[in-house]
Amino acid sequence: MIIIEGGAVATVDADGTEHADGHVVIGDDGRIVAVGAGHADVLDGGERQPAESVRRVDATGCLVTPGLVNTHHHLYQWATRGLAQQEDLFGWLTALYPVWAGLDAGVVAATTSAGLGWLALSGCTTSTDHHYVHPSGGGDLMAAQVAAAGEIGLRFHPCRGSMDLGASAGGLPPDHIVEKTDAALAATAEAVERFHDPAPDAMVRVAVAPCSPFSVTSTLMSEAAALARSTGVRLHTHLAETVEEQAYCLQTHGCTPGEYAERLGWLGDDVWLAHGVHLDDATIARFAATGTAVAHCPSSNARLGTGIARVRDLLDAGVPVGLGVDGAASQETNQLGAELRQAVYAARLRGGPAALTAREALALGTMGGARCLGRAGEIGSLEVGKLADLAVWRLDGLGHAGIDDPVAALVLGPPAPVELLLVGGRPVVERGELRTADERDLVRRTRQAHRTLIRKVGP
């Protein structure tokens, strides 16, 4: 049993319950058994728990929150950061596709470990990954990812991505890095069968994730939706990220990206879509009516200059919205904790100072993400019976001194050190250090992965 007490607690439950001085108690099964104000009074079967079987965590000077949930990422890009710095999305992709053609299982394992380890250090307990580049001869990339995630210890939602629309057929990616439609569908079905775990406490769940309207055929999109629904897994793709994508869909399909998604069966409460920057009122209404969720990636959208998503409008309409760091090469910081602040800033740049509160940003990064991934009953808030995925943030240092509101300190202040990060009650980060992997080894492997890719592409 673990007892965390003495600090502030933001539960992010439906009532927004907070305790200025509270406790969270975690049972041996990795689930929360008590949350409340003051110190914990822990009994087991009517008897007080023996002291030697209890770990007490003094959270004085800290804020306890649910662990953050990352709803969109491309972990392989960790090895190609800092490139194509002034390009828009299409130019950025065109510059990097030849580099990513060199991906193999070794590179993917190294970047997955590094990216997830870094996310853990920023308060993240659950992360997706959207891997859509599968070069011929690259090895078993999904297996490499799942194994790496298991070592780091985060809950992992790998999305088996795909592209089958090469440049010669009117798509953006070069022909040599796209798959045949049938091969992509078969590989996706295999990934679901091998790795997806539907159990309530699952560490790995797989989603079906063709890449985007400009890199995937309509056939693959519609058949991928059918595959996901026949196997009971979720659907994910990029949508409405740029004005160029909007123009592409209007020219190629005679409709907006949102209309295109609906035409192909890609709206529903089993779907979450990355970005959603360029959505009109009618599409937002359809997302709300169907329960379609959006992964908001404010830093990546800023880095690539794609625009600012209508988060206030989405929330007011009832659309589930989570946060994502997006690919490491389109947003080099890749700290999910920092995205809380970025979400506030982006919303206020669009809609003024009342457009998004600090607590709404925290909800986006926790319960909003859980809703995107279909796990609102398991993670995303600190409630009895939920999985003990939580972060203890230290807020008593110089950077946060004088901010009385702990949630505002976390969201608006400088990045807060993670005192403790638990996934199912298991420590992943303690006192700001990763406990499940050697950071020096992650650095070494990432540098080697970078050299491998650059060497393959040549001068």
Protein backbone atom coordinates (compact mmCIF):
# COMPACT_ATOMS: atom_id res chain seq x y z
CA MET A 1 0.00 0.00 0.00
CA ILE A 2 1.14 3.56 -0.77
CA ILE A 3 -0.16 6.58 1.12
CA ILE A 4 0.49 10.01 -0.38
CA GLU A 5 -0.42 12.83 1.98
CA GLY A 6 0.46 16.33 3.09
CA GLY A 7 0.11 18.04 -0.29
CA ALA A 8 -2.56 19.61 -2.43
CA VAL A 9 -4.72 17.23 -4.49
CA ALA A 10 -6.52 18.04 -7.74
CA THR A 11 -8.70 15.03 -8.52
CA VAL A 12 -10.05 16.25 -11.91
CA ASP A 13 -13.25 14.36 -11.18
CA ALA A 14 -16.60 15.49 -12.60
CA ASP A 15 -17.03 18.00 -9.78
CA GLY A 16 -13.49 19.33 -9.98
CA THR A 17 -12.84 18.30 -6.38
CA GLU A 18 -9.65 19.67 -4.86
CA HIS A 19 -8.05 19.46 -1.43
CA ALA A 20 -5.58 22.07 -0.19
CA ASP A 21 -4.17 19.39 2.14
CA GLY A 22 -5.19 15.92 1.07
CA HIS A 23 -4.31 12.30 0.60
CA VAL A 24 -4.42 9.51 -1.98
CA VAL A 25 -4.19 5.87 -0.91
CA ILE A 26 -3.18 3.14 -3.34
CA GLY A 27 -3.86 -0.54 -2.75
CA ASP A 28 -1.71 -3.54 -3.50
CA ASP A 29 -3.65 -4.09 -6.72
CA GLY A 30 -2.45 -0.76 -8.18
CA ARG A 31 -5.81 0.95 -7.79
CA ILE A 32 -6.89 3.95 -5.77
CA VAL A 33 -8.67 2.97 -2.55
CA ALA A 34 -9.12 6.41 -0.95
CA VAL A 35 -8.94 10.11 -1.84
CA GLY A 36 -9.79 12.92 0.51
CA ALA A 37 -8.87 15.81 2.71
CA GLY A 38 -6.31 15.70 5.52
CA HIS A 39 -4.33 12.64 6.52
CA ALA A 40 -5.33 9.12 5.54
CA ASP A 41 -6.86 6.77 8.09
CA VAL A 42 -6.12 3.45 6.45
CA LEU A 43 -7.90 0.31 7.56
CA ASP A 44 -7.75 -3.13 5.99
CA GLY A 45 -10.65 -5.46 6.72
CA GLY A 46 -11.45 -3.47 9.84
CA GLU A 47 -7.87 -3.60 11.10
CA ARG A 48 -5.25 -0.91 10.77
CA GLN A 49 -2.71 -1.73 8.05
CA PRO A 50 0.64 -2.91 9.51
CA ALA A 51 3.21 -0.11 9.29
CA GLU A 52 5.78 -2.30 7.55
CA SER A 53 3.40 -2.94 4.63
CA VAL A 54 2.75 0.75 3.96
CA ARG A 55 4.91 3.21 2.04
CA ARG A 56 4.17 6.77 3.13
CA VAL A 57 4.99 9.61 0.73
CA ASP A 58 5.26 13.09 2.21
CA ALA A 59 3.79 15.40 -0.46
CA THR A 60 4.35 18.62 1.47
CA GLY A 61 5.00 21.40 -1.03
CA CYS A 62 3.60 19.29 -3.88
CA LEU A 63 0.47 18.94 -5.99
CA VAL A 64 -0.96 15.49 -6.72
CA THR A 65 -2.81 15.10 -10.02
CA PRO A 66 -3.82 12.29 -12.33
CA GLY A 67 -1.00 11.27 -14.66
CA LEU A 68 -1.02 13.11 -17.97
CA VAL A 69 -2.29 11.33 -21.08
CA ASN A 70 -0.54 11.97 -24.41
CA THR A 71 -3.01 11.49 -27.26
CA HIS A 72 -0.77 12.01 -30.31
CA HIS A 73 2.90 11.35 -30.99
CA HIS A 74 5.40 10.02 -33.54
CA LEU A 75 8.17 8.59 -31.39
CA TYR A 76 10.44 7.56 -34.27
CA GLN A 77 10.96 11.24 -35.03
CA TRP A 78 13.07 11.57 -31.86
CA ALA A 79 16.08 10.71 -34.08
CA THR A 80 15.36 13.52 -36.59
CA ARG A 81 14.78 16.57 -34.43
CA GLY A 82 15.93 20.01 -35.47
CA LEU A 83 15.56 19.46 -39.23
CA ALA A 84 13.47 21.43 -41.77
CA GLN A 85 13.16 24.26 -39.28
CA GLN A 86 11.40 26.82 -41.51
CA GLU A 87 9.10 24.53 -43.51
CA ASP A 88 5.34 24.26 -43.44
CA LEU A 89 3.85 20.79 -42.98
CA PHE A 90 4.04 19.66 -46.60
CA GLY A 91 7.57 20.99 -47.04
CA TRP A 92 8.62 19.50 -43.73
CA LEU A 93 7.26 16.08 -44.68
CA THR A 94 8.85 16.22 -48.13
CA ALA A 95 12.23 16.98 -46.53
CA LEU A 96 11.97 14.21 -43.93
CA TYR A 97 10.33 11.32 -45.80
CA PRO A 98 13.69 10.30 -47.36
CA VAL A 99 15.30 10.25 -43.91
CA TRP A 100 12.51 8.18 -42.37
CA ALA A 101 12.84 5.65 -45.19
CA GLY A 102 15.87 4.38 -43.26
CA LEU A 103 13.87 3.37 -40.18
CA ASP A 104 14.47 -0.08 -38.75
CA ALA A 105 13.59 -1.92 -35.56
CA GLY A 106 16.75 -0.77 -33.78
CA VAL A 107 16.04 2.90 -34.46
CA VAL A 108 12.40 2.51 -33.48
CA ALA A 109 13.27 0.76 -30.21
CA ALA A 110 15.77 3.47 -29.26
CA THR A 111 13.46 6.36 -30.09
CA THR A 112 10.48 4.77 -28.37
CA SER A 113 12.46 4.30 -25.16
CA ALA A 114 13.88 7.82 -25.28
CA GLY A 115 10.58 9.49 -26.10
CA LEU A 116 8.56 7.64 -23.47
CA GLY A 117 11.25 8.15 -20.84
CA TRP A 118 11.21 11.88 -21.53
CA LEU A 119 7.42 11.97 -21.40
CA ALA A 120 7.50 10.23 -18.02
CA LEU A 121 9.82 12.92 -16.70
CA SER A 122 7.18 15.50 -17.72
CA GLY A 123 4.35 13.79 -15.80
CA CYS A 124 2.94 11.49 -18.49
CA THR A 125 1.65 8.05 -17.49
CA THR A 126 -0.10 7.01 -20.74
CA SER A 127 1.02 7.72 -24.29
CA THR A 128 -0.10 6.93 -27.78
CA ASP A 129 2.18 6.61 -30.77
CA HIS A 130 1.15 6.94 -34.41
CA HIS A 131 3.69 5.01 -36.48
CA TYR A 132 2.84 5.18 -40.17
CA VAL A 133 6.25 4.69 -41.88
CA HIS A 134 7.00 1.01 -42.46
CA PRO A 135 9.95 0.66 -44.86
CA SER A 136 10.45 -2.68 -46.56
CA GLY A 137 13.06 -4.70 -44.67
CA GLY A 138 12.85 -2.54 -41.57
CA GLY A 139 11.97 -5.43 -39.27
CA ASP A 140 9.17 -5.82 -36.73
CA LEU A 141 8.62 -2.20 -35.75
CA MET A 142 5.50 -2.75 -33.65
CA ALA A 143 7.19 -5.44 -31.58
CA ALA A 144 10.15 -3.13 -31.03
CA GLN A 145 7.84 -0.39 -29.79
CA VAL A 146 5.83 -2.57 -27.46
CA ALA A 147 8.97 -4.06 -25.91
CA ALA A 148 10.50 -0.62 -25.37
CA ALA A 149 7.31 0.72 -23.79
CA GLY A 150 7.27 -2.26 -21.44
CA GLU A 151 10.77 -1.39 -20.24
CA ILE A 152 9.91 2.26 -19.53
CA GLY A 153 6.67 1.32 -17.82
CA LEU A 154 4.09 3.71 -19.29
CA ARG A 155 0.70 2.60 -20.51
CA PHE A 156 1.03 2.49 -24.26
CA HIS A 157 -1.45 2.90 -27.12
CA PRO A 158 0.52 2.18 -30.30
CA CYS A 159 -1.44 3.12 -33.41
CA ARG A 160 -0.58 0.93 -36.40
CA GLY A 161 -0.34 3.60 -39.07
CA SER A 162 -0.09 3.17 -42.81
CA MET A 163 0.28 4.99 -46.12
CA ASP A 164 -0.73 3.60 -49.51
CA LEU A 165 -1.03 6.76 -51.63
CA GLY A 166 2.36 7.55 -53.13
CA ALA A 167 3.39 10.55 -55.19
CA SER A 168 2.79 8.80 -58.49
CA ALA A 169 -0.90 8.36 -57.53
CA GLY A 170 -1.35 11.95 -56.37
CA GLY A 171 -0.28 11.58 -52.72
CA LEU A 172 2.50 13.38 -50.89
CA PRO A 173 4.88 10.59 -49.76
CA PRO A 174 7.38 9.08 -52.21
CA ASP A 175 6.32 5.74 -53.66
CA HIS A 176 9.13 3.76 -52.03
CA ILE A 177 7.85 4.29 -48.47
CA VAL A 178 4.16 3.48 -48.98
CA GLU A 179 2.58 0.05 -48.60
CA LYS A 180 0.14 -1.83 -50.76
CA THR A 181 -3.39 -1.43 -49.46
CA ASP A 182 -3.97 -5.12 -48.72
CA ALA A 183 -0.56 -5.46 -47.09
CA ALA A 184 -1.21 -2.48 -44.83
CA LEU A 185 -4.58 -3.85 -43.75
CA ALA A 186 -3.13 -7.32 -43.11
CA ALA A 187 -0.26 -5.92 -41.05
CA THR A 188 -2.70 -3.78 -39.05
CA ALA A 189 -4.93 -6.77 -38.31
CA GLU A 190 -1.87 -8.74 -37.21
CA ALA A 191 -0.79 -5.93 -34.86
CA VAL A 192 -4.22 -5.91 -33.22
CA GLU A 193 -4.20 -9.67 -32.80
CA ARG A 194 -0.67 -9.79 -31.36
CA PHE A 195 -0.58 -6.78 -29.07
CA HIS A 196 -4.02 -5.41 -28.20
CA ASP A 197 -5.17 -6.06 -24.63
CA PRO A 198 -8.83 -5.16 -23.89
CA ALA A 199 -8.47 -5.75 -20.13
CA PRO A 200 -9.43 -2.80 -17.85
CA ASP A 201 -5.86 -2.52 -16.52
CA ALA A 202 -4.18 -3.05 -19.90
CA MET A 203 -0.69 -1.70 -20.43
CA VAL A 204 -0.97 -1.99 -24.25
CA ARG A 205 -3.90 -1.23 -26.49
CA VAL A 206 -3.65 -0.95 -30.26
CA ALA A 207 -5.50 1.44 -32.56
CA VAL A 208 -5.98 1.41 -36.34
CA ALA A 209 -4.45 4.54 -37.83
CA PRO A 210 -4.06 5.30 -41.56
CA CYS A 211 -1.95 8.43 -41.79
CA SER A 212 -3.83 11.30 -43.47
CA PRO A 213 -6.11 12.25 -46.38
CA PHE A 214 -3.12 13.13 -48.58
CA SER A 215 -1.17 9.89 -47.98
CA VAL A 216 -3.92 7.27 -47.82
CA THR A 217 -6.50 6.06 -50.35
CA SER A 218 -10.20 6.17 -49.65
CA THR A 219 -10.22 2.39 -49.84
CA LEU A 220 -7.69 2.04 -47.05
CA MET A 221 -9.53 4.59 -44.91
CA SER A 222 -12.93 2.89 -45.21
CA GLU A 223 -11.59 -0.65 -44.85
CA ALA A 224 -9.47 0.37 -41.88
CA ALA A 225 -12.61 1.68 -40.18
CA ALA A 226 -14.34 -1.64 -40.83
CA LEU A 227 -11.33 -3.53 -39.47
CA ALA A 228 -11.24 -1.49 -36.29
CA ARG A 229 -14.92 -1.98 -35.60
CA SER A 230 -14.82 -5.70 -36.31
CA THR A 231 -11.99 -6.13 -33.80
CA GLY A 232 -13.24 -3.66 -31.18
CA VAL A 233 -10.34 -1.21 -31.28
CA ARG A 234 -10.20 2.55 -31.78
CA LEU A 235 -9.51 4.65 -34.88
CA HIS A 236 -6.99 7.47 -35.23
CA THR A 237 -5.70 9.69 -38.04
CA HIS A 238 -4.59 13.23 -38.84
CA LEU A 239 -7.36 15.56 -39.95
CA ALA A 240 -7.80 19.24 -40.79
CA GLU A 241 -4.25 20.15 -39.76
CA THR A 242 -3.44 22.71 -42.48
CA VAL A 243 -5.01 24.94 -45.11
CA GLU A 244 -3.10 22.90 -47.70
CA GLU A 245 -4.92 19.75 -46.56
CA GLN A 246 -8.20 21.65 -46.79
CA ALA A 247 -7.39 22.64 -50.37
CA TYR A 248 -6.30 19.09 -51.23
CA CYS A 249 -9.57 17.59 -49.99
CA LEU A 250 -11.68 20.18 -51.79
CA GLN A 251 -9.81 19.62 -55.04
CA THR A 252 -9.48 15.82 -54.82
CA HIS A 253 -12.67 14.80 -53.04
CA GLY A 254 -14.94 17.81 -53.49
CA CYS A 255 -15.48 18.26 -49.77
CA THR A 256 -13.82 19.45 -46.57
CA PRO A 257 -11.63 17.08 -44.50
CA GLY A 258 -14.43 16.71 -41.95
CA GLU A 259 -16.98 15.83 -44.62
CA TYR A 260 -14.50 13.39 -46.14
CA ALA A 261 -13.99 11.66 -42.79
CA GLU A 262 -17.74 11.30 -42.27
CA ARG A 263 -18.22 9.97 -45.80
CA LEU A 264 -15.74 7.17 -45.07
CA GLY A 265 -17.20 6.19 -41.70
CA TRP A 266 -14.61 8.01 -39.65
CA LEU A 267 -16.84 9.78 -37.15
CA GLY A 268 -17.91 8.12 -33.90
CA ASP A 269 -17.14 7.72 -30.22
CA ASP A 270 -14.43 5.21 -31.13
CA VAL A 271 -12.50 7.83 -33.16
CA TRP A 272 -10.03 10.50 -32.11
CA LEU A 273 -8.47 12.80 -34.69
CA ALA A 274 -5.18 14.64 -34.45
CA HIS A 275 -5.11 18.44 -34.73
CA GLY A 276 -8.53 19.56 -36.00
CA VAL A 277 -7.13 23.05 -36.57
CA HIS A 278 -9.28 23.99 -39.56
CA LEU A 279 -12.81 22.91 -38.65
CA ASP A 280 -15.97 24.79 -39.57
CA ASP A 281 -19.04 25.08 -37.34
CA ALA A 282 -20.88 22.27 -39.10
CA THR A 283 -18.00 19.83 -38.59
CA ILE A 284 -17.65 20.73 -34.92
CA ALA A 285 -21.35 20.07 -34.50
CA ARG A 286 -21.00 16.68 -36.19
CA PHE A 287 -18.03 15.77 -33.98
CA ALA A 288 -20.08 16.65 -30.91
CA ALA A 289 -23.13 14.70 -32.09
CA THR A 290 -21.09 11.59 -32.84
CA GLY A 291 -18.67 11.73 -29.89
CA THR A 292 -15.66 12.11 -32.17
CA ALA A 293 -12.66 13.34 -30.18
CA VAL A 294 -9.76 15.66 -31.03
CA ALA A 295 -6.10 15.48 -30.01
CA HIS A 296 -4.96 19.10 -29.64
CA CYS A 297 -1.23 19.66 -30.31
CA PRO A 298 -0.60 23.38 -29.69
CA SER A 299 3.22 23.40 -29.78
CA SER A 300 3.48 21.40 -32.99
CA ASN A 301 0.83 23.57 -34.63
CA ALA A 302 2.88 26.63 -33.64
CA ARG A 303 6.23 25.12 -34.75
CA LEU A 304 4.85 24.36 -38.23
CA GLY A 305 2.69 27.49 -38.41
CA THR A 306 -0.47 25.51 -39.15
CA GLY A 307 -2.83 27.64 -37.05
CA ILE A 308 -4.64 27.54 -33.71
CA ALA A 309 -7.34 24.95 -33.08
CA ARG A 310 -10.78 26.14 -31.96
CA VAL A 311 -10.49 24.48 -28.56
CA ARG A 312 -12.98 26.76 -26.80
CA ASP A 313 -15.58 26.10 -29.48
CA LEU A 314 -14.90 22.36 -29.39
CA LEU A 315 -15.30 22.21 -25.61
CA ASP A 316 -18.43 24.36 -25.62
CA ALA A 317 -19.96 22.06 -28.24
CA GLY A 318 -19.20 19.00 -26.11
CA VAL A 319 -16.39 17.52 -28.22
CA PRO A 320 -13.90 15.43 -26.19
CA VAL A 321 -10.48 17.11 -26.44
CA GLY A 322 -7.13 15.79 -25.22
CA LEU A 323 -3.55 17.01 -25.52
CA GLY A 324 -0.71 15.64 -27.62
CA VAL A 325 2.93 16.60 -27.97
CA ASP A 326 2.97 15.36 -31.60
CA GLY A 327 6.08 14.16 -33.37
CA ALA A 328 9.46 14.91 -31.87
CA ALA A 329 10.64 16.48 -35.13
CA SER A 330 7.73 18.92 -35.28
CA GLN A 331 7.95 19.92 -31.61
CA GLU A 332 11.37 19.33 -30.18
CA THR A 333 10.50 19.91 -26.50
CA ASN A 334 8.13 16.94 -26.22
CA GLN A 335 7.16 17.62 -22.61
CA LEU A 336 3.50 16.93 -22.04
CA GLY A 337 3.51 18.99 -18.85
CA ALA A 338 4.57 22.01 -20.88
CA GLU A 339 1.63 21.49 -23.25
CA LEU A 340 -0.74 22.48 -20.44
CA ARG A 341 0.64 26.02 -20.59
CA GLN A 342 0.83 26.01 -24.37
CA ALA A 343 -2.84 25.03 -24.56
CA VAL A 344 -3.79 28.01 -22.39
CA TYR A 345 -1.63 30.41 -24.38
CA ALA A 346 -2.86 29.19 -27.77
CA ALA A 347 -6.51 29.37 -26.73
CA ARG A 348 -6.07 32.90 -25.40
CA LEU A 349 -4.25 34.07 -28.51
CA ARG A 350 -7.32 32.99 -30.42
CA GLY A 351 -10.10 33.93 -28.02
CA GLY A 352 -8.80 36.26 -25.33
CA PRO A 353 -7.85 35.78 -21.66
CA ALA A 354 -11.02 33.91 -20.71
CA ALA A 355 -10.73 31.35 -23.51
CA LEU A 356 -9.19 28.60 -21.37
CA THR A 357 -8.52 28.34 -17.64
CA ALA A 358 -5.63 26.57 -15.92
CA ARG A 359 -8.01 23.91 -14.61
CA GLU A 360 -9.51 23.34 -18.04
CA ALA A 361 -5.99 22.83 -19.39
CA LEU A 362 -5.27 20.26 -16.67
CA ALA A 363 -8.52 18.51 -17.58
CA LEU A 364 -7.49 18.41 -21.24
CA GLY A 365 -4.22 16.73 -20.29
CA THR A 366 -5.83 14.15 -18.01
CA MET A 367 -9.54 13.30 -18.33
CA GLY A 368 -9.71 14.75 -21.84
CA GLY A 369 -6.95 12.40 -22.94
CA ALA A 370 -8.60 9.47 -21.20
CA ARG A 371 -11.81 10.17 -23.12
CA CYS A 372 -9.90 10.28 -26.42
CA LEU A 373 -8.47 6.83 -25.72
CA GLY A 374 -11.71 5.32 -24.46
CA ARG A 375 -10.35 4.96 -20.90
CA ALA A 376 -12.34 7.53 -18.94
CA GLY A 377 -13.51 4.82 -16.56
CA GLU A 378 -9.96 3.69 -15.78
CA ILE A 379 -7.61 6.69 -15.79
CA GLY A 380 -7.70 10.50 -16.07
CA SER A 381 -8.93 11.36 -12.55
CA LEU A 382 -8.13 10.47 -8.95
CA GLU A 383 -11.16 8.46 -7.87
CA VAL A 384 -11.68 5.32 -5.82
CA GLY A 385 -11.45 2.22 -8.02
CA LYS A 386 -9.46 3.85 -10.80
CA LEU A 387 -5.95 2.82 -11.75
CA ALA A 388 -3.27 4.50 -9.66
CA ASP A 389 -1.70 6.47 -12.50
CA LEU A 390 -0.71 9.77 -10.92
CA ALA A 391 1.90 12.49 -10.72
CA VAL A 392 3.24 14.28 -7.66
CA TRP A 393 4.60 17.66 -8.77
CA ARG A 394 7.06 19.62 -6.60
CA LEU A 395 5.98 23.25 -6.38
CA ASP A 396 7.99 24.57 -3.42
CA GLY A 397 11.06 25.68 -5.36
CA LEU A 398 12.11 29.15 -6.45
CA GLY A 399 10.32 28.94 -9.79
CA HIS A 400 6.91 28.56 -8.17
CA ALA A 401 7.43 30.65 -5.03
CA GLY A 402 4.61 33.12 -4.48
CA ILE A 403 1.96 31.36 -6.59
CA ASP A 404 -0.65 30.38 -4.02
CA ASP A 405 -2.88 28.44 -6.42
CA PRO A 406 -1.12 25.08 -6.99
CA VAL A 407 -2.96 24.32 -10.24
CA ALA A 408 -2.01 27.72 -11.63
CA ALA A 409 1.56 27.12 -10.46
CA LEU A 410 1.67 23.83 -12.36
CA VAL A 411 0.01 25.08 -15.54
CA LEU A 412 1.26 28.66 -15.82
CA GLY A 413 4.56 28.43 -13.95
CA PRO A 414 7.84 26.93 -15.18
CA PRO A 415 8.01 23.14 -15.76
CA ALA A 416 7.51 21.52 -12.36
CA PRO A 417 9.84 18.72 -11.27
CA VAL A 418 8.11 15.35 -10.94
CA GLU A 419 8.64 14.14 -7.38
CA LEU A 420 6.87 10.85 -8.04
CA LEU A 421 5.17 9.25 -11.04
CA LEU A 422 3.18 6.09 -10.53
CA VAL A 423 1.67 3.82 -13.19
CA GLY A 424 -0.64 1.30 -11.60
CA GLY A 425 1.07 2.09 -8.31
CA ARG A 426 4.51 1.30 -9.72
CA PRO A 427 7.13 4.08 -9.48
CA VAL A 428 8.46 5.19 -12.87
CA VAL A 429 9.94 8.54 -11.79
CA GLU A 430 11.16 9.45 -8.30
CA ARG A 431 12.68 12.78 -7.23
CA GLY A 432 12.98 13.86 -10.84
CA GLU A 433 14.86 10.75 -11.99
CA LEU A 434 13.71 7.97 -14.29
CA ARG A 435 13.73 4.71 -12.30
CA THR A 436 12.97 2.22 -15.05
CA ALA A 437 15.86 3.00 -17.43
CA ASP A 438 19.33 4.51 -17.45
CA GLU A 439 19.03 7.98 -18.97
CA ARG A 440 22.66 7.90 -20.12
CA ASP A 441 21.94 4.72 -22.05
CA LEU A 442 18.86 6.32 -23.62
CA VAL A 443 21.01 9.26 -24.74
CA ARG A 444 23.64 6.95 -26.23
CA ARG A 445 21.09 4.87 -28.12
CA THR A 446 19.26 7.94 -29.43
CA ARG A 447 22.47 9.46 -30.77
CA GLN A 448 23.26 6.19 -32.48
CA ALA A 449 19.77 6.07 -34.01
CA HIS A 450 20.23 9.61 -35.32
CA ARG A 451 23.60 8.73 -36.88
CA THR A 452 22.11 5.61 -38.43
CA LEU A 453 19.36 7.53 -40.20
CA ILE A 454 21.58 10.38 -41.38
CA ARG A 455 24.17 7.93 -42.65
CA LYS A 456 21.56 6.01 -44.65
CA VAL A 457 20.24 9.08 -46.42
CA GLY A 458 23.74 10.31 -47.28
CA PRO A 459 24.90 13.87 -48.03
